[in-house]
Amino acid sequence: MQHSPDLQYAATHEWAKQEGDLIVTGISDFAQNMLGDLMFVEAPKVGTNVQAGQAVGTVESVKTASDIHAPVSGEVVEVNTALHDDPEIINTDPYGKGWIYKIRPSQTAELAQLLNAADYAAANTK
């Protein structure tokens, strides 16, 4: 399982990466591996204000469904529409083309409260 060192991770298995004034987010390689082949992604709608830790969407696989949580608070400004037709992009490229949505953060300090790659990996190998 890969954990990209340039990302921050939530304990609920979402990742976050700052790109300019936006936070790009998706689910971790660990999460997609546990879920299996993804069949559906419900992302939050553009314009939605989210709070860190809030369930904002769902990913469904052949095994189960799981909530997607916001890693930081802010406004959703873009969603990855490619996932509508091909949700398995997350299975093959969770940290690249498999991003789910972008947030304009209202509290950038929340990003520092997330786990780094080493701490996230350690928390998921116990």
Protein backbone atom coordinates (compact mmCIF):
# COMPACT_ATOMS: atom_id res chain seq x y z
CA MET A 1 0.00 0.00 0.00
CA GLN A 2 1.30 3.42 -0.87
CA HIS A 3 1.01 6.54 1.25
CA SER A 4 2.21 9.58 -0.64
CA PRO A 5 4.53 11.70 1.53
CA ASP A 6 3.26 14.99 0.03
CA LEU A 7 -0.28 14.41 1.32
CA GLN A 8 -2.01 14.79 4.68
CA TYR A 9 -4.43 12.09 5.85
CA ALA A 10 -7.57 11.98 7.99
CA ALA A 11 -8.10 9.07 10.38
CA THR A 12 -11.25 8.35 8.33
CA HIS A 13 -9.00 7.53 5.29
CA GLU A 14 -9.32 10.67 3.20
CA TRP A 15 -6.27 12.49 1.87
CA ALA A 16 -5.75 16.20 1.33
CA LYS A 17 -3.24 18.15 -0.72
CA GLN A 18 -2.90 21.90 -0.93
CA GLU A 19 -2.72 23.22 -4.48
CA GLY A 20 -2.60 27.00 -4.45
CA ASP A 21 -5.57 28.24 -2.46
CA LEU A 22 -7.49 24.95 -2.82
CA ILE A 23 -7.41 21.59 -1.05
CA VAL A 24 -7.71 18.58 -3.36
CA THR A 25 -9.12 15.51 -1.61
CA GLY A 26 -9.89 11.85 -2.20
CA ILE A 27 -9.73 8.51 -0.41
CA SER A 28 -6.48 6.78 0.46
CA ASP A 29 -4.95 3.78 -1.24
CA PHE A 30 -5.61 1.88 2.01
CA ALA A 31 -9.33 2.77 1.84
CA GLN A 32 -9.80 1.87 -1.82
CA ASN A 33 -7.97 -1.42 -1.23
CA MET A 34 -10.25 -2.30 1.68
CA LEU A 35 -13.37 -1.38 -0.32
CA GLY A 36 -12.45 -3.28 -3.46
CA ASP A 37 -13.70 -2.42 -6.95
CA LEU A 38 -15.59 0.86 -6.76
CA MET A 39 -18.92 1.03 -8.57
CA PHE A 40 -20.26 4.47 -7.58
CA VAL A 41 -19.01 7.75 -6.14
CA GLU A 42 -21.34 10.38 -4.70
CA ALA A 43 -19.34 13.58 -4.24
CA PRO A 44 -20.63 16.71 -2.51
CA LYS A 45 -22.20 19.31 -4.81
CA VAL A 46 -20.25 22.36 -5.92
CA GLY A 47 -21.13 25.27 -3.64
CA THR A 48 -21.69 23.08 -0.58
CA ASN A 49 -20.09 24.33 2.63
CA VAL A 50 -18.53 21.45 4.56
CA GLN A 51 -17.08 21.08 8.04
CA ALA A 52 -13.96 19.06 8.82
CA GLY A 53 -14.97 15.52 9.79
CA GLN A 54 -18.47 15.84 8.27
CA ALA A 55 -19.73 13.04 6.01
CA VAL A 56 -20.11 14.73 2.62
CA GLY A 57 -20.47 11.85 0.17
CA THR A 58 -20.30 8.11 -0.39
CA VAL A 59 -18.22 5.56 -2.24
CA GLU A 60 -19.83 2.21 -3.05
CA SER A 61 -18.02 -0.96 -4.00
CA VAL A 62 -18.95 -4.55 -4.69
CA LYS A 63 -18.31 -5.18 -0.98
CA THR A 64 -19.88 -2.22 0.84
CA ALA A 65 -20.59 1.51 0.96
CA SER A 66 -18.55 4.00 2.94
CA ASP A 67 -18.93 7.67 3.79
CA ILE A 68 -16.47 10.25 2.49
CA HIS A 69 -15.57 12.86 5.13
CA ALA A 70 -14.30 16.37 4.61
CA PRO A 71 -10.68 16.62 5.77
CA VAL A 72 -11.00 20.41 6.20
CA SER A 73 -13.80 22.98 6.39
CA GLY A 74 -14.68 25.16 3.44
CA GLU A 75 -16.62 25.39 0.20
CA VAL A 76 -16.64 22.67 -2.44
CA VAL A 77 -15.54 24.36 -5.67
CA GLU A 78 -15.03 21.44 -8.05
CA VAL A 79 -15.83 17.73 -8.32
CA ASN A 80 -14.14 15.10 -10.46
CA THR A 81 -16.87 14.39 -13.02
CA ALA A 82 -14.79 11.62 -14.64
CA LEU A 83 -15.72 9.44 -11.64
CA HIS A 84 -19.38 9.38 -12.72
CA ASP A 85 -18.55 7.17 -15.69
CA ASP A 86 -15.48 5.43 -14.29
CA PRO A 87 -15.35 5.29 -10.46
CA GLU A 88 -12.63 2.63 -10.67
CA ILE A 89 -10.17 5.43 -11.48
CA ILE A 90 -9.88 5.66 -7.70
CA ASN A 91 -8.78 2.01 -7.56
CA THR A 92 -6.01 2.53 -10.10
CA ASP A 93 -4.88 6.08 -9.23
CA PRO A 94 -6.25 7.19 -5.83
CA TYR A 95 -3.75 10.06 -5.41
CA GLY A 96 -3.82 11.37 -8.97
CA LYS A 97 -6.70 11.05 -11.43
CA GLY A 98 -8.85 9.55 -8.65
CA TRP A 99 -9.26 12.78 -6.69
CA ILE A 100 -12.90 13.33 -5.68
CA TYR A 101 -13.40 17.05 -4.97
CA LYS A 102 -11.68 20.35 -4.25
CA ILE A 103 -12.34 22.66 -1.32
CA ARG A 104 -11.62 26.35 -0.86
CA PRO A 105 -10.70 26.10 2.84
CA SER A 106 -12.15 28.47 5.42
CA GLN A 107 -9.61 27.43 8.09
CA THR A 108 -6.24 26.47 6.61
CA ALA A 109 -4.93 25.57 10.08
CA GLU A 110 -7.08 22.42 9.94
CA LEU A 111 -4.71 20.95 7.36
CA ALA A 112 -1.95 20.84 9.98
CA GLN A 113 -4.20 18.73 12.23
CA LEU A 114 -4.22 15.85 9.72
CA LEU A 115 -1.75 12.95 9.80
CA ASN A 116 1.41 12.85 7.74
CA ALA A 117 2.10 9.75 5.62
CA ALA A 118 4.26 8.00 8.24
CA ASP A 119 1.72 8.50 11.03
CA TYR A 120 -1.16 7.42 8.78
CA ALA A 121 0.72 4.28 7.74
CA ALA A 122 1.57 3.46 11.36
CA ALA A 123 -2.07 3.91 12.41
CA ASN A 124 -3.20 1.45 9.74
CA THR A 125 -0.72 -1.37 10.35
CA LYS A 126 -1.73 -2.15 13.93
